[in-house]
Amino acid sequence: MISPACKRYLDQAQLFGIKLGLDNMRAMLSSLGQPEKNFPSIHVAGTNGKGSVSAMLERIFRLNGFKTGLYTSPHLVEVRERIRLNGRMIPEKTFCHLLLDIKKREKKLKRTGEVSGSLTFFEILTLCAFDYFNQEAVDLAVLEVGMGGRFDATNVVIPEVSVITSISYDHQQYLGKTISTIAAEKAGIIKRGVPCLAGVQNQTALGVIKKKCQEMGSPLIEVFGEGRKLTYKQIKDGYVFTYVTPVATYRFKPSLPGLHQGENAAIAIAAAEVMQNIGYQLSKDRLLEALETVVWPGRLEIISRTPLVILDGGHNEDGARAISDYIKENVAQPVILVFAIMKDKEVKKVGSRLFPLATRIILTRPSLARAALPEDIARQLPEFSPKFFLEEDVASALRLALTLSEGKIPVIVAGSLYLVGEAKKFFCGSGVSQSLAYL
């Protein structure tokens, strides 16, 4: 684990919550010598799928011999999961050294007025990732946007390609209450002249992206547009997909389960083709191998088979729909559902997708101030009250689920990545499980 001094710095930063804006980032990056300008990157935004697409892209380039950086959020078990070099978490000693250097620079710049207020948790980690990738001289960094795009701390890079995976309702209090306003925020990652790849299928959102690309003189590649087609065939243990582009046909069975992961894989393939067009040498065989071996924890992750226990961090309506579709097609019903969600999410919409699948629903909360209270969730969805059990902490909720399962009934743990993180600690102990090693 990281040192107490580093942990205190991060814990204090979490008190400042979310603050959108780039002035403090730019001042800090200038102090660090502009590390974000010293490595090429792929910038990935979107409501759903951006983490999976980022993991797929990182593995595609790593298997093709590139030295890769990967920056994602949130973490599940340990904060160092967010920053990876060639698939491995940043070493503890290096992480703490970089954090303490950032702390020292922040203190100095606050005195001179170049940094206002305090850096947020996400800003600190983004600075740490950029500095680390620069020092390690990565060939390519894949950078996942934290929230939105326009004012996200990552939006200081000029990437090789900007990727927008999907757009639906989430974080409305920060990004706006309509699809158009949310799309405009995410389209804020589009840079002048830089290709933009869009897996977006909502036509209203796609229209906003097209307009932004025109304004910025950025070529737009639509993953599911003209000349491109994704089809699939269901087999016993999943799906085989075929993605046809103007230059090639790709047939693959993703290692990540769920129909939606075929769409995510198509986005990764299309982004890889864009990178090939600008000079990156990629083997098709290695690309397909990456899609069929990538690991991305907390997304329909099977943590146990007796009983079957599946973890998924889907926390909005589209994410819940993907979980629901997967359960209906692949899991014997009924199931036991362990559910928790943040209070700022659309509790009724997410619950309405998942609760009908379960014979028993255990409502709980991670140890986080933002988490909705079990009784508040129950109050919003009273029609399911006969199924409810309320547990104040995740560990007791999971113990109850396993007892009720009797080793037979499948257990689904869903609604929040924070819930999934605590569930992984429960099932795997205090150490990071092998599934997080990205080997």
Protein backbone atom coordinates (compact mmCIF):
# COMPACT_ATOMS: atom_id res chain seq x y z
CA MET A 1 0.00 0.00 0.00
CA ILE A 2 1.05 3.62 -0.50
CA SER A 3 2.73 5.56 2.33
CA PRO A 4 0.65 7.38 4.97
CA ALA A 5 1.83 10.79 3.69
CA CYS A 6 0.68 10.01 0.15
CA LYS A 7 -2.60 8.58 1.40
CA ARG A 8 -3.28 11.71 3.48
CA TYR A 9 -2.69 13.93 0.44
CA LEU A 10 -5.16 11.95 -1.66
CA ASP A 11 -7.70 11.65 1.15
CA GLN A 12 -7.65 15.41 1.68
CA ALA A 13 -8.06 16.01 -2.06
CA GLN A 14 -11.20 13.86 -2.09
CA LEU A 15 -12.84 16.37 0.25
CA PHE A 16 -12.83 18.93 -2.57
CA GLY A 17 -15.13 16.79 -4.74
CA ILE A 18 -15.54 17.50 -8.44
CA LYS A 19 -14.36 20.77 -9.96
CA LEU A 20 -14.53 21.14 -13.73
CA GLY A 21 -12.00 23.48 -15.35
CA LEU A 22 -8.48 23.43 -16.76
CA ASP A 23 -6.67 26.50 -15.34
CA ASN A 24 -5.11 24.66 -12.40
CA MET A 25 -4.14 21.74 -14.64
CA ARG A 26 -2.38 24.02 -17.09
CA ALA A 27 -0.47 25.81 -14.34
CA MET A 28 0.65 22.54 -12.79
CA LEU A 29 1.62 21.01 -16.13
CA SER A 30 3.70 24.09 -16.93
CA SER A 31 5.51 23.62 -13.62
CA LEU A 32 6.15 19.96 -14.50
CA GLY A 33 7.58 20.87 -17.92
CA GLN A 34 4.51 20.05 -20.05
CA PRO A 35 4.77 16.26 -19.83
CA GLU A 36 1.48 15.81 -21.72
CA LYS A 37 3.17 17.13 -24.87
CA ASN A 38 5.91 14.51 -24.84
CA PHE A 39 3.96 11.35 -25.65
CA PRO A 40 1.31 10.52 -28.27
CA SER A 41 -2.12 9.60 -26.99
CA ILE A 42 -5.62 8.38 -27.78
CA HIS A 43 -8.29 10.29 -25.86
CA VAL A 44 -11.48 8.33 -25.06
CA ALA A 45 -14.75 9.87 -23.87
CA GLY A 46 -18.32 8.55 -23.68
CA THR A 47 -21.15 7.76 -21.30
CA ASN A 48 -20.69 3.98 -21.44
CA GLY A 49 -17.97 1.78 -22.88
CA LYS A 50 -15.05 4.17 -22.60
CA GLY A 51 -13.22 2.05 -20.03
CA SER A 52 -13.64 -1.17 -22.00
CA VAL A 53 -12.60 0.52 -25.26
CA SER A 54 -9.55 2.04 -23.54
CA ALA A 55 -8.52 -1.37 -22.19
CA MET A 56 -8.96 -2.95 -25.63
CA LEU A 57 -6.90 -0.25 -27.35
CA GLU A 58 -4.11 -0.47 -24.80
CA ARG A 59 -3.88 -4.23 -25.28
CA ILE A 60 -3.97 -3.93 -29.09
CA PHE A 61 -0.93 -1.66 -29.04
CA ARG A 62 0.89 -3.58 -26.31
CA LEU A 63 0.56 -6.87 -28.19
CA ASN A 64 1.90 -5.09 -31.27
CA GLY A 65 5.10 -4.24 -29.41
CA PHE A 66 4.39 -0.69 -28.28
CA LYS A 67 5.28 0.57 -24.80
CA THR A 68 1.89 1.64 -23.50
CA GLY A 69 0.41 3.82 -20.82
CA LEU A 70 -3.20 3.45 -19.67
CA TYR A 71 -5.08 5.95 -17.51
CA THR A 72 -8.61 5.03 -16.39
CA SER A 73 -11.09 5.71 -13.61
CA PRO A 74 -12.42 4.89 -11.15
CA HIS A 75 -10.39 2.18 -9.49
CA LEU A 76 -11.95 -0.89 -7.91
CA VAL A 77 -9.57 -1.99 -5.17
CA GLU A 78 -6.47 0.17 -5.18
CA VAL A 79 -5.92 3.67 -6.54
CA ARG A 80 -2.79 2.61 -8.46
CA GLU A 81 -5.03 0.58 -10.82
CA ARG A 82 -5.78 3.85 -12.61
CA ILE A 83 -2.21 4.32 -13.90
CA ARG A 84 -0.58 1.47 -15.80
CA LEU A 85 2.57 0.94 -17.81
CA ASN A 86 2.51 -2.05 -20.17
CA GLY A 87 -0.48 -3.39 -18.25
CA ARG A 88 1.14 -3.14 -14.81
CA MET A 89 0.13 -0.77 -12.05
CA ILE A 90 2.47 2.10 -11.28
CA PRO A 91 4.91 0.95 -8.54
CA GLU A 92 4.15 2.19 -5.03
CA LYS A 93 7.50 3.95 -4.61
CA THR A 94 7.22 5.76 -7.95
CA PHE A 95 3.58 6.71 -7.27
CA CYS A 96 4.39 8.26 -3.89
CA HIS A 97 7.43 10.08 -5.25
CA LEU A 98 5.34 11.67 -8.00
CA LEU A 99 2.49 12.53 -5.61
CA LEU A 100 4.75 14.27 -3.14
CA ASP A 101 6.40 16.24 -5.94
CA ILE A 102 2.95 17.35 -7.15
CA LYS A 103 2.02 18.30 -3.57
CA LYS A 104 5.15 20.46 -3.27
CA ARG A 105 4.50 22.19 -6.60
CA GLU A 106 0.84 22.76 -5.75
CA LYS A 107 1.80 24.44 -2.48
CA LYS A 108 4.25 26.73 -4.29
CA LEU A 109 1.82 27.69 -7.06
CA LYS A 110 -0.95 28.40 -4.54
CA ARG A 111 1.35 30.90 -2.86
CA THR A 112 1.99 32.68 -6.17
CA GLY A 113 -1.70 32.58 -7.12
CA GLU A 114 -1.13 30.42 -10.21
CA VAL A 115 -3.26 27.67 -8.65
CA SER A 116 -6.55 28.71 -7.08
CA GLY A 117 -8.16 26.69 -4.35
CA SER A 118 -6.88 23.12 -4.12
CA LEU A 119 -6.29 20.42 -6.70
CA THR A 120 -8.98 17.75 -6.86
CA PHE A 121 -8.34 14.03 -6.44
CA PHE A 122 -8.80 13.48 -10.18
CA GLU A 123 -6.52 16.38 -11.14
CA ILE A 124 -3.74 15.03 -8.92
CA LEU A 125 -3.98 11.54 -10.38
CA THR A 126 -4.11 12.89 -13.94
CA LEU A 127 -0.95 14.93 -13.32
CA CYS A 128 0.70 11.86 -11.83
CA ALA A 129 -0.21 9.75 -14.88
CA PHE A 130 1.05 12.33 -17.37
CA ASP A 131 4.34 12.78 -15.48
CA TYR A 132 4.82 9.01 -15.21
CA PHE A 133 4.11 8.35 -18.89
CA ASN A 134 6.52 11.12 -19.85
CA GLN A 135 9.30 9.84 -17.60
CA GLU A 136 8.82 6.30 -18.93
CA ALA A 137 8.80 7.56 -22.54
CA VAL A 138 5.74 5.56 -23.57
CA ASP A 139 5.13 5.00 -27.27
CA LEU A 140 1.41 5.64 -26.75
CA ALA A 141 -0.90 6.49 -23.86
CA VAL A 142 -4.60 5.66 -23.86
CA LEU A 143 -6.40 8.24 -21.72
CA GLU A 144 -9.95 7.77 -20.49
CA VAL A 145 -11.94 10.92 -19.77
CA GLY A 146 -13.19 11.07 -16.19
CA MET A 147 -16.41 13.00 -16.79
CA GLY A 148 -17.79 14.84 -19.78
CA GLY A 149 -14.87 16.05 -21.83
CA ARG A 150 -14.72 19.81 -22.33
CA PHE A 151 -13.56 20.66 -18.80
CA ASP A 152 -12.21 17.25 -17.81
CA ALA A 153 -8.68 17.30 -16.39
CA THR A 154 -7.47 15.03 -19.21
CA ASN A 155 -8.57 17.53 -21.87
CA VAL A 156 -5.18 19.24 -22.09
CA VAL A 157 -3.72 16.75 -24.57
CA ILE A 158 -3.63 16.98 -28.34
CA PRO A 159 -4.22 13.30 -29.17
CA GLU A 160 -3.67 11.32 -32.34
CA VAL A 161 -7.40 10.56 -32.38
CA SER A 162 -10.36 11.56 -30.22
CA VAL A 163 -12.82 8.73 -29.50
CA ILE A 164 -16.42 9.18 -28.32
CA THR A 165 -17.93 5.79 -27.55
CA SER A 166 -21.57 6.53 -26.71
CA ILE A 167 -23.80 9.27 -25.34
CA SER A 168 -26.73 8.84 -22.98
CA TYR A 169 -27.96 10.34 -19.74
CA ASP A 170 -25.49 10.49 -16.85
CA HIS A 171 -23.98 13.18 -14.59
CA GLN A 172 -26.75 15.59 -15.63
CA GLN A 173 -26.00 17.93 -12.74
CA TYR A 174 -22.61 18.65 -14.34
CA LEU A 175 -23.15 17.98 -18.05
CA GLY A 176 -26.70 19.18 -18.67
CA LYS A 177 -30.15 17.67 -18.77
CA THR A 178 -30.53 16.99 -22.50
CA ILE A 179 -28.73 14.65 -24.89
CA SER A 180 -27.63 17.69 -26.92
CA THR A 181 -25.96 19.41 -23.98
CA ILE A 182 -24.32 16.20 -22.80
CA ALA A 183 -23.06 15.57 -26.36
CA ALA A 184 -21.66 19.10 -26.54
CA GLU A 185 -19.67 18.53 -23.34
CA LYS A 186 -18.25 15.24 -24.61
CA ALA A 187 -17.52 16.74 -28.02
CA GLY A 188 -15.28 19.18 -26.17
CA ILE A 189 -12.42 16.68 -26.56
CA ILE A 190 -12.42 17.21 -30.34
CA LYS A 191 -9.27 19.12 -31.32
CA ARG A 192 -8.64 21.15 -34.45
CA GLY A 193 -7.62 18.89 -37.32
CA VAL A 194 -7.48 15.76 -35.15
CA PRO A 195 -9.59 12.81 -36.39
CA CYS A 196 -12.66 12.06 -34.30
CA LEU A 197 -14.01 8.52 -34.11
CA ALA A 198 -17.64 8.19 -32.98
CA GLY A 199 -19.39 5.01 -31.91
CA VAL A 200 -22.40 7.15 -31.02
CA GLN A 201 -25.69 5.84 -32.41
CA ASN A 202 -28.07 8.41 -30.95
CA GLN A 203 -28.79 10.66 -33.94
CA THR A 204 -29.29 13.83 -31.88
CA ALA A 205 -25.93 13.36 -30.18
CA LEU A 206 -24.26 12.41 -33.46
CA GLY A 207 -25.54 15.63 -35.01
CA VAL A 208 -23.84 17.66 -32.29
CA ILE A 209 -20.57 15.80 -32.87
CA LYS A 210 -20.77 16.30 -36.64
CA LYS A 211 -21.26 20.05 -36.17
CA LYS A 212 -18.29 20.26 -33.79
CA CYS A 213 -16.07 18.34 -36.21
CA GLN A 214 -17.02 20.73 -39.00
CA GLU A 215 -16.17 23.72 -36.82
CA MET A 216 -12.79 22.23 -35.88
CA GLY A 217 -11.89 20.90 -39.33
CA SER A 218 -11.65 17.41 -37.82
CA PRO A 219 -12.31 14.32 -39.95
CA LEU A 220 -15.21 12.31 -38.51
CA ILE A 221 -15.24 8.53 -38.72
CA GLU A 222 -18.55 6.91 -37.76
CA VAL A 223 -17.95 3.42 -36.39
CA PHE A 224 -21.39 2.27 -37.51
CA GLY A 225 -21.75 4.57 -40.50
CA GLU A 226 -21.78 3.98 -44.24
CA GLY A 227 -19.46 1.23 -45.43
CA ARG A 228 -19.19 -0.26 -41.93
CA LYS A 229 -21.33 -3.02 -40.48
CA LEU A 230 -21.32 -5.05 -37.27
CA THR A 231 -23.16 -8.38 -37.15
CA TYR A 232 -23.14 -11.22 -34.67
CA LYS A 233 -23.99 -14.85 -34.20
CA GLN A 234 -24.93 -16.23 -30.78
CA ILE A 235 -23.08 -19.38 -29.74
CA LYS A 236 -23.22 -21.54 -26.63
CA ASP A 237 -20.89 -19.39 -24.51
CA GLY A 238 -21.30 -15.92 -25.99
CA TYR A 239 -21.19 -14.22 -29.37
CA VAL A 240 -19.05 -14.24 -32.48
CA PHE A 241 -18.96 -10.85 -34.18
CA THR A 242 -18.07 -9.77 -37.68
CA TYR A 243 -17.12 -6.14 -38.24
CA VAL A 244 -16.73 -5.00 -41.84
CA THR A 245 -14.91 -1.75 -42.62
CA PRO A 246 -13.91 -0.22 -45.97
CA VAL A 247 -10.48 -1.85 -45.67
CA ALA A 248 -10.93 -5.18 -43.87
CA THR A 249 -13.25 -7.74 -42.29
CA TYR A 250 -12.69 -8.75 -38.68
CA ARG A 251 -14.21 -11.85 -37.07
CA PHE A 252 -13.79 -12.22 -33.30
CA LYS A 253 -15.20 -13.50 -30.02
CA PRO A 254 -14.47 -10.87 -27.35
CA SER A 255 -13.16 -12.03 -23.99
CA LEU A 256 -15.41 -9.45 -22.33
CA PRO A 257 -18.95 -10.84 -22.08
CA GLY A 258 -22.12 -9.18 -23.31
CA LEU A 259 -23.54 -8.08 -26.63
CA HIS A 260 -22.46 -4.49 -25.96
CA GLN A 261 -18.80 -5.55 -25.88
CA GLY A 262 -19.03 -6.38 -29.58
CA GLU A 263 -19.87 -2.74 -30.20
CA ASN A 264 -17.01 -1.64 -27.97
CA ALA A 265 -14.65 -3.93 -29.88
CA ALA A 266 -15.79 -2.41 -33.18
CA ILE A 267 -14.95 1.03 -31.80
CA ALA A 268 -11.49 -0.18 -30.80
CA ILE A 269 -10.95 -1.72 -34.26
CA ALA A 270 -12.01 1.48 -36.01
CA ALA A 271 -9.68 3.54 -33.78
CA ALA A 272 -6.82 1.15 -34.54
CA GLU A 273 -7.47 1.63 -38.26
CA VAL A 274 -7.26 5.40 -37.83
CA MET A 275 -3.92 4.96 -36.09
CA GLN A 276 -2.72 2.74 -38.93
CA ASN A 277 -3.64 5.47 -41.39
CA ILE A 278 -1.34 7.91 -39.62
CA GLY A 279 1.62 5.51 -39.57
CA TYR A 280 1.25 3.04 -36.70
CA GLN A 281 2.09 -0.51 -37.78
CA LEU A 282 -0.44 -2.98 -36.41
CA SER A 283 -0.91 -6.68 -37.11
CA LYS A 284 -4.49 -7.78 -37.68
CA ASP A 285 -3.76 -11.09 -35.93
CA ARG A 286 -2.43 -9.28 -32.84
CA LEU A 287 -5.40 -6.94 -32.91
CA LEU A 288 -7.85 -9.84 -32.86
CA GLU A 289 -5.81 -11.59 -30.17
CA ALA A 290 -6.09 -8.45 -28.03
CA LEU A 291 -9.88 -8.36 -28.31
CA GLU A 292 -10.10 -12.05 -27.42
CA THR A 293 -7.81 -11.85 -24.36
CA VAL A 294 -8.33 -8.40 -22.84
CA VAL A 295 -9.30 -8.25 -19.17
CA TRP A 296 -11.42 -5.42 -17.77
CA PRO A 297 -12.60 -6.11 -14.21
CA GLY A 298 -16.01 -5.17 -12.89
CA ARG A 299 -17.82 -5.50 -16.22
CA LEU A 300 -19.92 -8.68 -16.15
CA GLU A 301 -17.00 -10.22 -14.30
CA ILE A 302 -17.53 -13.75 -13.03
CA ILE A 303 -15.94 -13.86 -9.59
CA SER A 304 -17.32 -17.30 -8.59
CA ARG A 305 -18.98 -20.20 -10.37
CA THR A 306 -20.40 -22.09 -7.35
CA PRO A 307 -22.58 -20.26 -6.84
CA LEU A 308 -22.37 -18.12 -9.93
CA VAL A 309 -21.47 -14.57 -8.81
CA ILE A 310 -21.25 -11.79 -11.41
CA LEU A 311 -20.05 -8.24 -10.74
CA ASP A 312 -20.94 -5.26 -12.93
CA GLY A 313 -20.56 -1.55 -12.28
CA GLY A 314 -23.35 -0.41 -14.62
CA HIS A 315 -24.72 2.72 -12.95
CA ASN A 316 -27.00 4.33 -15.53
CA GLU A 317 -29.96 3.16 -17.59
CA ASP A 318 -27.94 2.02 -20.61
CA GLY A 319 -25.50 0.17 -18.38
CA ALA A 320 -28.35 -1.51 -16.51
CA ARG A 321 -29.96 -2.48 -19.83
CA ALA A 322 -26.73 -4.22 -20.89
CA ILE A 323 -26.63 -6.16 -17.60
CA SER A 324 -30.30 -7.08 -17.94
CA ASP A 325 -29.88 -8.31 -21.52
CA TYR A 326 -26.91 -10.44 -20.53
CA ILE A 327 -28.71 -12.02 -17.57
CA LYS A 328 -31.81 -12.81 -19.64
CA GLU A 329 -29.75 -14.55 -22.31
CA ASN A 330 -27.01 -16.21 -20.29
CA VAL A 331 -27.96 -16.70 -16.64
CA ALA A 332 -30.52 -19.08 -15.17
CA GLN A 333 -33.27 -17.07 -13.52
CA PRO A 334 -34.38 -15.99 -11.01
CA VAL A 335 -31.30 -14.39 -9.44
CA ILE A 336 -30.39 -12.72 -6.17
CA LEU A 337 -29.44 -9.08 -6.73
CA VAL A 338 -27.09 -7.12 -4.46
CA PHE A 339 -27.67 -3.49 -5.41
CA ALA A 340 -26.16 -0.13 -4.48
CA ILE A 341 -26.02 3.15 -6.35
CA MET A 342 -24.89 6.72 -5.87
CA LYS A 343 -27.62 9.14 -4.77
CA ASP A 344 -26.99 11.44 -7.78
CA LYS A 345 -27.83 8.65 -10.27
CA GLU A 346 -31.21 7.84 -11.80
CA VAL A 347 -32.10 5.30 -9.15
CA LYS A 348 -35.59 4.50 -10.45
CA LYS A 349 -34.48 3.98 -14.06
CA VAL A 350 -31.55 1.74 -13.14
CA GLY A 351 -33.56 -0.20 -10.56
CA SER A 352 -36.48 -0.66 -12.93
CA ARG A 353 -34.14 -2.43 -15.38
CA LEU A 354 -32.57 -4.78 -12.83
CA PHE A 355 -35.10 -5.45 -10.09
CA PRO A 356 -37.62 -7.47 -12.20
CA LEU A 357 -34.91 -10.09 -12.80
CA ALA A 358 -34.45 -10.90 -9.13
CA THR A 359 -36.42 -12.97 -6.68
CA ARG A 360 -34.62 -11.28 -3.78
CA ILE A 361 -32.99 -7.84 -3.78
CA ILE A 362 -30.44 -6.88 -1.14
CA LEU A 363 -30.07 -3.09 -0.97
CA THR A 364 -26.83 -1.82 0.53
CA ARG A 365 -24.31 1.03 0.30
CA PRO A 366 -20.53 1.32 -0.13
CA SER A 367 -18.67 3.35 2.49
CA LEU A 368 -18.95 6.57 0.52
CA ALA A 369 -20.84 9.77 1.32
CA ARG A 370 -22.33 9.87 -2.19
CA ALA A 371 -23.91 6.43 -1.84
CA ALA A 372 -27.70 6.29 -1.61
CA LEU A 373 -29.08 4.87 1.63
CA PRO A 374 -30.77 1.46 1.23
CA GLU A 375 -34.02 2.84 2.68
CA ASP A 376 -33.98 5.72 0.17
CA ILE A 377 -33.61 3.27 -2.72
CA ALA A 378 -36.49 1.20 -1.32
CA ARG A 379 -38.65 4.33 -1.02
CA GLN A 380 -38.15 5.17 -4.71
CA LEU A 381 -39.14 1.69 -5.94
CA PRO A 382 -41.92 0.58 -3.55
CA GLU A 383 -43.46 -1.84 -6.07
CA PHE A 384 -40.53 -4.21 -5.42
CA SER A 385 -40.73 -3.96 -1.61
CA PRO A 386 -41.71 -7.63 -1.04
CA LYS A 387 -38.32 -8.63 -2.48
CA PHE A 388 -36.21 -6.21 -0.43
CA PHE A 389 -33.63 -6.89 2.27
CA LEU A 390 -31.76 -3.85 3.60
CA GLU A 391 -28.13 -4.17 4.72
CA GLU A 392 -26.03 -1.22 5.89
CA ASP A 393 -22.70 -2.44 4.53
CA VAL A 394 -21.54 -4.38 1.49
CA ALA A 395 -19.89 -7.25 3.35
CA SER A 396 -23.06 -8.12 5.27
CA ALA A 397 -25.10 -7.81 2.05
CA LEU A 398 -22.82 -10.27 0.28
CA ARG A 399 -22.88 -12.71 3.20
CA LEU A 400 -26.67 -12.62 3.15
CA ALA A 401 -26.73 -13.14 -0.63
CA LEU A 402 -24.51 -16.20 -0.37
CA THR A 403 -26.64 -17.62 2.43
CA LEU A 404 -29.85 -17.12 0.44
CA SER A 405 -28.20 -18.60 -2.64
CA GLU A 406 -27.48 -21.89 -0.86
CA GLY A 407 -24.76 -22.42 -3.44
CA LYS A 408 -27.31 -22.68 -6.25
CA ILE A 409 -29.04 -19.42 -7.11
CA PRO A 410 -26.90 -16.96 -9.15
CA VAL A 411 -25.89 -13.74 -7.40
CA ILE A 412 -25.61 -10.48 -9.37
CA VAL A 413 -23.78 -7.57 -7.74
CA ALA A 414 -24.55 -4.38 -9.68
CA GLY A 415 -25.38 -0.68 -9.69
CA SER A 416 -22.06 1.00 -8.91
CA LEU A 417 -18.35 0.48 -9.52
CA TYR A 418 -17.80 1.44 -5.88
CA LEU A 419 -20.02 -1.48 -4.88
CA VAL A 420 -18.03 -3.73 -7.21
CA GLY A 421 -14.77 -2.53 -5.66
CA GLU A 422 -15.92 -3.44 -2.16
CA ALA A 423 -17.26 -6.75 -3.45
CA LYS A 424 -13.87 -7.60 -4.95
CA LYS A 425 -12.21 -6.87 -1.60
CA PHE A 426 -14.74 -9.18 0.07
CA PHE A 427 -14.20 -12.05 -2.38
CA CYS A 428 -10.48 -11.62 -3.03
CA GLY A 429 -9.18 -10.37 0.30
CA SER A 430 -7.17 -7.20 0.80
CA GLY A 431 -4.77 -7.90 -2.06
CA VAL A 432 -5.46 -7.13 -5.69
CA SER A 433 -6.81 -10.22 -7.45
CA GLN A 434 -5.07 -11.83 -10.40
CA SER A 435 -7.80 -10.44 -12.67
CA LEU A 436 -6.42 -6.97 -12.00
CA ALA A 437 -2.91 -7.86 -13.16
CA TYR A 438 -3.76 -7.45 -16.87
CA LEU A 439 -1.33 -10.20 -17.78
